[in-house]
């Protein structure tokens, strides 16, 4: 009884201090810092266990990536068939099934490199004349190609002159007939030549308005003096004006 009474007396004497101590202890345990420290400790312990488990496992070998088949690059000369005709003409054919059309190009191994001073531009002049008609078809060949639905044109360079057209594949024979006709039977007379000379001179005057054309001409003259490569492909107005029917036919 004495001990209980002494405890009760002590409790009544120190109860305020003990209550304050209990409140402070509860606040400390409930604070975020303590909670975070406890959680961090648990996390570190868990991560440590996971790391140990991973360290015990054997390393996996890297998987090999699948080997893809390599494609050979496609070139313009791939699958080209070469045929030499009895007359010496070389025919190159290549089948491309992307569209139901056919393209024909007729190349002549002649250009402005075959010219001399005084007749500069005659290859280009002849290119124009081959659109002026033939004995059997005395009309503009541009109209005949258009009637086939053909996209056609021509160009002259230093080394070649080329004529080309594209038509539906079922009109290939008609296109070849036109090309063969003008190859052998083009009519070159004074009236047609004079008219087409004016067209060529107009083209040359248009070129003169281009700074890049004049620069290219100056560079070629400096790089290839006294050679045909130093001449212009289109020629000069002075030379074109002097072309005769005999010169163009002979060329």
Protein backbone atom coordinates (compact mmCIF):
# COMPACT_ATOMS: atom_id res chain seq x y z
CA UNK A 1 0.00 0.00 0.00
CA UNK A 2 2.87 2.33 0.77
CA UNK A 3 4.47 1.75 -2.64
CA UNK A 4 1.22 2.42 -4.44
CA UNK A 5 0.64 5.55 -2.44
CA UNK A 6 4.22 6.74 -3.05
CA UNK A 7 3.76 6.13 -6.82
CA UNK A 8 0.52 8.04 -6.79
CA UNK A 9 2.13 10.92 -4.96
CA UNK A 10 5.04 10.93 -7.42
CA UNK A 11 2.65 10.80 -10.36
CA UNK A 12 0.67 13.75 -9.13
CA UNK A 13 3.88 15.67 -8.55
CA UNK A 14 5.50 14.96 -11.96
CA UNK A 15 2.47 14.35 -14.16
CA UNK A 16 2.84 17.66 -16.01
CA UNK A 17 6.46 16.95 -16.95
CA UNK A 18 5.70 13.39 -18.02
CA UNK A 19 2.82 14.54 -20.19
CA UNK A 20 5.08 17.11 -21.89
CA UNK A 21 7.74 14.45 -22.45
CA UNK A 22 5.19 12.12 -24.05
CA UNK A 23 3.90 14.84 -26.35
CA UNK A 24 7.44 15.74 -27.49
CA UNK A 25 8.35 12.11 -28.12
CA UNK A 26 5.22 11.58 -30.22
CA UNK A 27 5.95 14.71 -32.28
CA UNK A 28 9.51 13.57 -32.96
CA UNK A 29 8.45 10.09 -34.09
CA UNK A 30 5.72 11.53 -36.32
CA UNK A 31 8.01 14.12 -38.03
CA UNK A 32 8.68 13.76 -41.89
CA UNK A 33 12.45 13.65 -41.41
CA UNK A 34 12.24 10.60 -39.15
CA UNK A 35 9.74 8.94 -41.49
CA UNK A 36 11.94 9.62 -44.51
CA UNK A 37 15.02 8.33 -42.71
CA UNK A 38 13.21 5.17 -41.80
CA UNK A 39 11.89 4.75 -45.35
CA UNK A 40 15.35 5.47 -46.85
CA UNK A 41 16.93 2.92 -44.58
CA UNK A 42 14.36 0.37 -45.67
CA UNK A 43 14.90 1.26 -49.33
CA UNK A 44 18.68 0.97 -49.03
CA UNK A 45 18.28 -2.39 -47.36
CA UNK A 46 15.92 -3.59 -50.10
CA UNK A 47 18.18 -2.31 -52.90
CA UNK A 48 21.17 -3.94 -51.26
CA UNK A 49 19.35 -7.27 -51.23
CA UNK A 50 18.35 -6.89 -54.90
CA UNK A 51 21.93 -5.98 -55.89
CA UNK A 52 23.26 -9.04 -54.11
CA UNK A 53 20.73 -11.26 -55.88
CA UNK A 54 21.61 -9.75 -59.27
CA UNK A 55 25.34 -10.17 -58.60
CA UNK A 56 24.81 -13.86 -57.97
CA UNK A 57 23.13 -14.38 -61.37
CA UNK A 58 25.34 -15.21 -64.43
CA UNK A 59 25.76 -12.49 -67.07
CA UNK A 60 23.53 -12.96 -70.14
CA UNK A 61 25.24 -13.08 -73.53
CA UNK A 62 24.25 -10.25 -75.92
CA UNK A 63 21.81 -11.46 -78.57
CA UNK A 64 22.98 -11.34 -82.18
CA UNK A 65 21.07 -8.93 -84.43
CA UNK A 66 19.49 -10.58 -87.49
CA UNK A 67 21.51 -10.28 -90.68
CA UNK A 68 19.52 -8.48 -93.39
CA UNK A 69 20.09 -9.40 -97.04
CA UNK A 70 22.16 -6.79 -98.86
CA UNK A 71 20.68 -5.28 -102.01
CA UNK A 72 22.87 -4.68 -105.02
CA UNK A 73 22.70 -1.04 -106.17
CA UNK A 74 20.67 -0.48 -109.32
CA UNK A 75 22.55 1.18 -112.16
CA UNK A 76 21.47 2.60 -115.50
CA UNK A 77 23.40 -0.10 -117.33
CA UNK A 78 21.92 -3.00 -115.35
CA UNK A 79 19.97 -5.50 -117.49
CA UNK A 80 20.76 -3.62 -120.71
CA UNK A 81 20.70 -5.72 -123.88
CA UNK A 82 23.05 -4.69 -126.69
CA UNK A 83 22.28 -5.52 -130.31
CA UNK A 84 24.30 -4.51 -133.39
CA UNK A 85 22.23 -4.39 -136.58
CA UNK A 86 23.49 -5.37 -140.03
CA UNK A 87 23.82 -1.70 -141.00
CA UNK A 88 26.17 -1.10 -138.06
CA UNK A 89 23.68 0.68 -135.82
CA UNK A 90 23.95 -0.22 -132.13
CA UNK A 91 20.66 -0.73 -130.29
CA UNK A 92 20.53 -0.73 -126.49
CA UNK A 93 17.29 -1.91 -124.86
CA UNK A 94 16.30 -2.00 -121.22
CA UNK A 95 12.98 -3.22 -119.88
CA UNK A 96 11.42 -1.21 -117.05
CA UNK A 97 7.90 -2.21 -116.03
CA UNK A 98 7.01 0.88 -114.01
CA UNK A 99 4.61 2.32 -116.62
CA UNK A 100 3.01 1.17 -119.92
CA UNK A 101 5.15 3.51 -122.02
CA UNK A 102 8.30 3.27 -124.11
CA UNK A 103 11.06 5.80 -124.65
CA UNK A 104 13.16 5.94 -127.81
CA UNK A 105 16.41 7.90 -128.00
CA UNK A 106 18.43 8.23 -131.20
CA UNK A 107 22.00 9.37 -130.54
CA UNK A 108 24.46 10.54 -133.20
CA UNK A 109 28.15 10.67 -132.36
CA UNK A 110 28.55 14.18 -133.66
CA UNK A 111 28.44 17.59 -132.01
CA UNK A 112 30.14 20.94 -131.90
CA UNK A 113 33.56 19.28 -131.41
CA UNK A 114 33.34 18.32 -135.09
CA UNK A 115 33.04 21.95 -136.16
CA UNK A 116 35.62 24.50 -137.25
CA UNK A 117 35.68 28.29 -136.94
CA UNK A 118 33.35 29.76 -139.54
CA UNK A 119 30.78 26.97 -139.24
CA UNK A 120 30.36 27.04 -135.47
CA UNK A 121 26.80 25.99 -134.59
CA UNK A 122 26.08 23.91 -137.69
CA UNK A 123 25.40 20.73 -135.65
CA UNK A 124 22.79 22.64 -133.66
CA UNK A 125 21.34 24.08 -136.88
CA UNK A 126 21.00 20.58 -138.34
CA UNK A 127 19.19 19.43 -135.20
CA UNK A 128 16.57 22.13 -135.84
CA UNK A 129 16.24 21.15 -139.49
CA UNK A 130 15.38 17.53 -138.66
CA UNK A 131 12.05 18.75 -137.27
CA UNK A 132 11.07 20.53 -140.52
CA UNK A 133 9.66 17.52 -142.36
CA UNK A 134 10.59 14.93 -144.98
CA UNK A 135 9.68 14.16 -148.58
CA UNK A 136 6.80 11.91 -147.53
CA UNK A 137 5.81 14.00 -144.49
CA UNK A 138 6.37 17.67 -145.41
CA UNK A 139 5.05 19.07 -142.12
CA UNK A 140 6.49 19.91 -138.73
CA UNK A 141 7.53 16.68 -137.04
CA UNK A 142 6.52 18.16 -133.72
CA UNK A 143 2.91 17.93 -134.87
CA UNK A 144 3.37 14.28 -135.88
CA UNK A 145 4.86 13.40 -132.50
CA UNK A 146 2.04 15.27 -130.74
CA UNK A 147 -0.52 13.25 -132.72
CA UNK A 148 1.00 10.11 -131.15
CA UNK A 149 0.69 11.65 -127.71
CA UNK A 150 4.47 11.76 -127.59
CA UNK A 151 6.65 13.89 -125.38
CA UNK A 152 9.57 14.58 -127.71
CA UNK A 153 12.56 16.88 -128.06
CA UNK A 154 16.25 16.97 -129.02
CA UNK A 155 19.56 18.47 -127.91
CA UNK A 156 23.06 19.10 -129.20
CA UNK A 157 26.20 18.87 -127.06
CA UNK A 158 29.95 18.93 -127.71
CA UNK A 159 30.09 15.21 -128.49
CA UNK A 160 26.55 14.07 -129.39
CA UNK A 161 23.26 15.07 -130.92
CA UNK A 162 20.22 13.22 -129.58
CA UNK A 163 16.53 12.97 -130.47
CA UNK A 164 14.09 11.39 -128.04
CA UNK A 165 10.40 10.71 -127.50
CA UNK A 166 8.08 8.80 -125.16
CA UNK A 167 4.81 7.17 -126.25
CA UNK A 168 2.41 4.45 -125.19
CA UNK A 169 3.99 1.06 -125.77
CA UNK A 170 1.46 0.15 -128.49
CA UNK A 171 2.67 3.16 -130.54
CA UNK A 172 6.33 2.19 -130.58
CA UNK A 173 6.29 1.16 -134.24
CA UNK A 174 4.81 4.51 -135.32
CA UNK A 175 7.47 6.40 -133.38
CA UNK A 176 10.27 4.34 -134.95
CA UNK A 177 8.85 4.96 -138.44
CA UNK A 178 9.03 8.72 -137.88
CA UNK A 179 12.60 8.56 -136.56
CA UNK A 180 13.73 6.39 -139.50
CA UNK A 181 12.05 8.73 -141.99
CA UNK A 182 13.72 11.90 -140.79
CA UNK A 183 17.04 10.10 -140.40
CA UNK A 184 17.14 9.43 -144.16
CA UNK A 185 14.74 11.80 -145.87
CA UNK A 186 14.79 15.19 -144.15
CA UNK A 187 14.21 18.04 -146.58
CA UNK A 188 16.61 20.96 -146.27
CA UNK A 189 15.82 23.81 -148.63
CA UNK A 190 16.49 27.54 -148.65
CA UNK A 191 13.08 28.57 -147.33
CA UNK A 192 13.11 26.18 -144.39
CA UNK A 193 16.76 26.89 -143.57
CA UNK A 194 16.29 30.67 -143.54
CA UNK A 195 13.25 30.36 -141.30
CA UNK A 196 15.05 28.10 -138.84
CA UNK A 197 18.18 30.25 -138.84
CA UNK A 198 16.06 33.07 -137.44
CA UNK A 199 14.86 30.74 -134.68
CA UNK A 200 18.44 29.76 -133.78
CA UNK A 201 19.63 33.39 -133.78
CA UNK A 202 16.76 34.27 -131.44
CA UNK A 203 17.91 31.49 -129.09
CA UNK A 204 21.48 32.81 -129.14
CA UNK A 205 20.31 36.32 -128.32
CA UNK A 206 18.41 34.92 -125.36
CA UNK A 207 21.57 33.17 -124.14
CA UNK A 208 23.46 36.46 -124.26
CA UNK A 209 21.15 37.79 -121.54
CA UNK A 210 22.36 35.05 -119.17
CA UNK A 211 25.45 35.92 -117.07
CA UNK A 212 26.09 32.23 -116.42
CA UNK A 213 26.15 31.52 -120.18
CA UNK A 214 28.65 34.30 -120.82
CA UNK A 215 30.82 33.11 -117.93
CA UNK A 216 30.76 29.52 -119.19
CA UNK A 217 31.72 30.70 -122.68
CA UNK A 218 34.67 32.73 -121.34
CA UNK A 219 35.91 29.81 -119.23
CA UNK A 220 35.71 27.36 -122.17
CA UNK A 221 37.60 29.75 -124.45
CA UNK A 222 40.35 30.17 -121.84
CA UNK A 223 40.55 26.46 -120.98
CA UNK A 224 40.44 25.12 -124.57
CA UNK A 225 41.98 27.75 -126.84
CA UNK A 226 42.24 26.94 -130.55
CA UNK A 227 40.14 23.75 -130.18
CA UNK A 228 36.48 22.99 -130.94
CA UNK A 229 35.81 22.63 -127.19
CA UNK A 230 36.53 26.33 -126.87
CA UNK A 231 33.61 27.08 -129.20
CA UNK A 232 30.00 27.37 -128.11
CA UNK A 233 27.56 24.58 -128.94
CA UNK A 234 24.96 26.96 -130.33
CA UNK A 235 27.45 28.83 -132.47
CA UNK A 236 27.56 32.55 -133.18
CA UNK A 237 25.14 34.83 -134.97
CA UNK A 238 27.77 35.69 -137.60
CA UNK A 239 28.36 32.02 -138.46
CA UNK A 240 24.69 31.01 -138.40
CA UNK A 241 23.74 33.79 -140.81
CA UNK A 242 26.25 32.45 -143.37
CA UNK A 243 25.14 28.79 -143.37
CA UNK A 244 24.14 27.53 -146.81
CA UNK A 245 21.87 24.66 -147.77
CA UNK A 246 24.84 22.75 -149.19
CA UNK A 247 26.82 23.11 -145.93
CA UNK A 248 23.98 21.84 -143.76
CA UNK A 249 23.16 18.94 -146.10
CA UNK A 250 26.80 17.92 -146.28
CA UNK A 251 27.19 18.06 -142.54
